[in-house]
Protein backbone atom coordinates (compact mmCIF):
# COMPACT_ATOMS: atom_id res chain seq x y z
CA UNK A 1 -11.21 24.30 72.44
CA UNK A 2 -8.99 22.19 70.23
CA UNK A 3 -8.07 23.65 66.96
CA UNK A 4 -8.94 21.46 63.99
CA UNK A 5 -6.17 20.93 61.52
CA UNK A 6 -6.98 20.26 57.95
CA UNK A 7 -4.40 18.65 55.79
CA UNK A 8 -4.61 19.10 52.12
CA UNK A 9 -3.88 15.90 50.24
CA UNK A 10 -2.52 16.13 46.76
CA UNK A 11 -3.96 13.86 44.07
CA UNK A 12 -1.48 11.32 42.86
CA UNK A 13 0.50 12.30 39.76
CA UNK A 14 -0.27 10.22 36.71
CA UNK A 15 2.08 7.30 36.40
CA UNK A 16 4.91 7.49 33.97
CA UNK A 17 4.24 6.04 30.53
CA UNK A 18 2.76 2.58 30.95
CA UNK A 19 3.64 0.30 28.04
CA UNK A 20 1.00 -2.25 28.93
CA UNK A 21 -1.79 0.36 29.00
CA UNK A 22 -0.55 1.90 25.76
CA UNK A 23 -0.61 -1.56 24.16
CA UNK A 24 -4.16 -2.14 25.34
CA UNK A 25 -5.25 1.23 23.94
CA UNK A 26 -3.61 0.40 20.59
CA UNK A 27 -5.37 -2.99 20.48
CA UNK A 28 -8.73 -1.46 21.42
CA UNK A 29 -8.29 1.14 18.68
CA UNK A 30 -7.56 -1.63 16.16
CA UNK A 31 -10.65 -3.52 17.31
CA UNK A 32 -12.78 -0.40 17.05
CA UNK A 33 -11.42 0.23 13.55
CA UNK A 34 -12.51 -3.26 12.47
CA UNK A 35 -16.03 -2.63 13.80
CA UNK A 36 -16.48 0.88 12.47
CA UNK A 37 -14.77 1.14 9.11
CA UNK A 38 -15.43 -0.06 5.58
CA UNK A 39 -15.13 -3.74 4.73
CA UNK A 40 -16.03 -3.45 1.03
CA UNK A 41 -14.44 -0.89 -1.26
CA UNK A 42 -16.38 -0.28 -4.45
CA UNK A 43 -14.39 0.26 -7.65
CA UNK A 44 -16.80 3.00 -8.73
CA UNK A 45 -16.01 4.94 -5.55
CA UNK A 46 -12.28 5.15 -6.31
CA UNK A 47 -10.88 7.40 -9.04
CA UNK A 48 -8.18 6.46 -11.53
CA UNK A 49 -5.13 8.71 -11.44
CA UNK A 50 -2.24 9.12 -13.84
CA UNK A 51 1.21 8.88 -12.28
CA UNK A 52 4.77 8.54 -13.55
CA UNK A 53 4.36 4.79 -13.17
CA UNK A 54 1.03 4.56 -15.04
CA UNK A 55 -2.75 4.68 -14.66
CA UNK A 56 -3.49 3.64 -11.08
CA UNK A 57 -6.53 3.21 -8.83
CA UNK A 58 -5.57 3.17 -5.13
CA UNK A 59 -8.10 1.33 -2.97
CA UNK A 60 -5.92 1.38 0.15
CA UNK A 61 -2.78 3.40 0.67
CA UNK A 62 -1.22 3.61 4.11
CA UNK A 63 0.92 6.62 3.26
CA UNK A 64 -2.05 8.82 2.38
CA UNK A 65 -4.71 7.01 4.47
CA UNK A 66 -7.43 8.43 2.23
CA UNK A 67 -9.68 5.43 2.80
CA UNK A 68 -11.80 4.62 5.80
CA UNK A 69 -11.10 0.86 5.84
CA UNK A 70 -10.71 -1.87 8.42
CA UNK A 71 -7.13 -2.45 7.21
CA UNK A 72 -4.55 0.24 7.75
CA UNK A 73 -1.20 -1.32 6.92
CA UNK A 74 -1.91 -2.48 3.38
CA UNK A 75 -1.51 -0.87 0.01
CA UNK A 76 -3.78 -2.28 -2.70
CA UNK A 77 -4.15 -0.76 -6.14
CA UNK A 78 -5.10 -1.52 -9.72
CA UNK A 79 -2.71 -0.75 -12.57
CA UNK A 80 -4.16 -0.33 -16.07
CA UNK A 81 -1.32 -1.15 -18.48
CA UNK A 82 -2.28 0.59 -21.73
CA UNK A 83 1.00 0.08 -23.63
CA UNK A 84 3.59 -0.14 -20.89
CA UNK A 85 4.18 1.20 -17.43
CA UNK A 86 7.02 3.30 -16.22
CA UNK A 87 10.07 1.40 -14.99
CA UNK A 88 11.22 1.49 -11.40
CA UNK A 89 13.31 -0.31 -8.82
CA UNK A 90 12.21 -1.32 -5.36
CA UNK A 91 12.41 -4.33 -3.12
CA UNK A 92 10.33 -7.36 -4.09
CA UNK A 93 8.22 -9.35 -1.66
CA UNK A 94 4.84 -8.30 -3.01
CA UNK A 95 2.07 -9.99 -4.97
CA UNK A 96 0.54 -8.80 -8.25
CA UNK A 97 -2.67 -10.53 -9.38
CA UNK A 98 -3.56 -10.29 -13.08
CA UNK A 99 -7.21 -9.25 -13.31
CA UNK A 100 -7.57 -9.18 -17.09
CA UNK A 101 -5.57 -9.23 -20.30
CA UNK A 102 -2.19 -10.51 -21.36
CA UNK A 103 1.27 -9.04 -21.08
CA UNK A 104 4.70 -9.47 -19.69
CA UNK A 105 6.89 -7.91 -17.05
CA UNK A 106 10.62 -7.38 -17.34
CA UNK A 107 12.25 -8.32 -14.05
CA UNK A 108 15.90 -7.24 -14.06
CA UNK A 109 15.87 -7.54 -17.86
CA UNK A 110 14.16 -10.95 -18.03
CA UNK A 111 10.70 -11.14 -19.65
CA UNK A 112 8.06 -12.92 -17.58
CA UNK A 113 4.78 -13.49 -19.43
CA UNK A 114 1.39 -13.32 -17.69
CA UNK A 115 -2.34 -13.53 -18.36
CA UNK A 116 -5.58 -13.09 -16.43
CA UNK A 117 -5.65 -15.28 -13.32
CA UNK A 118 -1.86 -15.39 -12.90
CA UNK A 119 0.04 -14.15 -9.86
CA UNK A 120 3.38 -12.37 -10.16
CA UNK A 121 5.69 -12.55 -7.14
CA UNK A 122 8.54 -10.06 -7.28
CA UNK A 123 11.69 -11.60 -5.79
CA UNK A 124 13.62 -10.26 -2.82
CA UNK A 125 17.09 -9.08 -3.81
CA UNK A 126 19.68 -7.08 -1.93
CA UNK A 127 19.67 -4.35 -4.58
CA UNK A 128 15.91 -4.47 -5.24
CA UNK A 129 14.24 -5.36 -8.53
CA UNK A 130 14.06 -3.20 -11.66
CA UNK A 131 10.78 -3.98 -13.41
CA UNK A 132 8.39 -2.70 -16.03
CA UNK A 133 5.02 -4.01 -17.23
CA UNK A 134 3.86 -4.37 -20.85
CA UNK A 135 0.46 -4.96 -22.47
CA UNK A 136 0.77 -7.59 -25.25
CA UNK A 137 -2.28 -6.15 -27.02
CA UNK A 138 -2.35 -2.34 -26.71
CA UNK A 139 -5.93 -1.18 -27.15
CA UNK A 140 -7.22 -4.15 -25.12
CA UNK A 141 -7.42 -4.22 -21.33
CA UNK A 142 -4.45 -5.43 -19.32
CA UNK A 143 -5.07 -4.78 -15.63
CA UNK A 144 -3.41 -6.13 -12.50
CA UNK A 145 -3.80 -5.52 -8.79
CA UNK A 146 -0.93 -5.24 -6.32
CA UNK A 147 -1.18 -6.25 -2.66
CA UNK A 148 1.56 -4.87 -0.43
CA UNK A 149 1.81 -5.37 3.32
CA UNK A 150 3.54 -2.15 4.35
CA UNK A 151 5.11 -3.18 7.70
CA UNK A 152 6.89 -6.03 5.90
CA UNK A 153 8.13 -3.64 3.21
CA UNK A 154 9.25 -1.17 5.88
CA UNK A 155 11.44 -3.84 7.46
CA UNK A 156 12.97 -4.55 4.05
CA UNK A 157 13.98 -0.90 3.74
CA UNK A 158 11.21 0.32 1.43
CA UNK A 159 12.26 2.76 -1.28
CA UNK A 160 11.32 3.41 -4.92
CA UNK A 161 13.71 4.62 -7.61
CA UNK A 162 11.96 5.72 -10.83
CA UNK A 163 13.94 4.70 -13.93
CA UNK A 164 11.51 5.71 -16.74
CA UNK A 165 8.05 7.24 -16.86
CA UNK A 166 4.88 5.83 -18.42
CA UNK A 167 4.22 7.17 -21.94
CA UNK A 168 0.73 8.14 -20.70
CA UNK A 169 2.29 10.45 -18.10
CA UNK A 170 3.88 12.68 -20.74
CA UNK A 171 0.50 13.24 -22.42
CA UNK A 172 -1.12 13.86 -19.02
CA UNK A 173 1.25 16.68 -17.95
């Protein structure tokens, strides 16, 4: 009688890293995020916080990812300028929309006035831009909202150098 021989066949090893498949997975994850996460962020659901730069309300912040939103690479926050903000230097290339009030911003020492409905565009400069925001009428509201696309800022070499702190921060500590 002939002896039967059984050969054990090994399952194929998984392929080495496949860039195309990884790209598809990334794109599917982005699509799923847009279907499953928040589209509207309610102001009442986000707390104000006092920082060295001023009184801020972060709706979206990529670095902390504390929101469950459809966008992941944006930073968007309100800044309530009570008297004046802290001063800091960072690269420009971002938009600041004035929600309410009147004030001015010093941009490398030059005063730029603004009022509700205006849009401030911080310039791109090799050494970054030193700026500070002032409320023209302390005691009245002066609020703006910043919109920052983080991958763009990353490519510009994002950094922040604090020059002076908000007067509200000293009373907060």
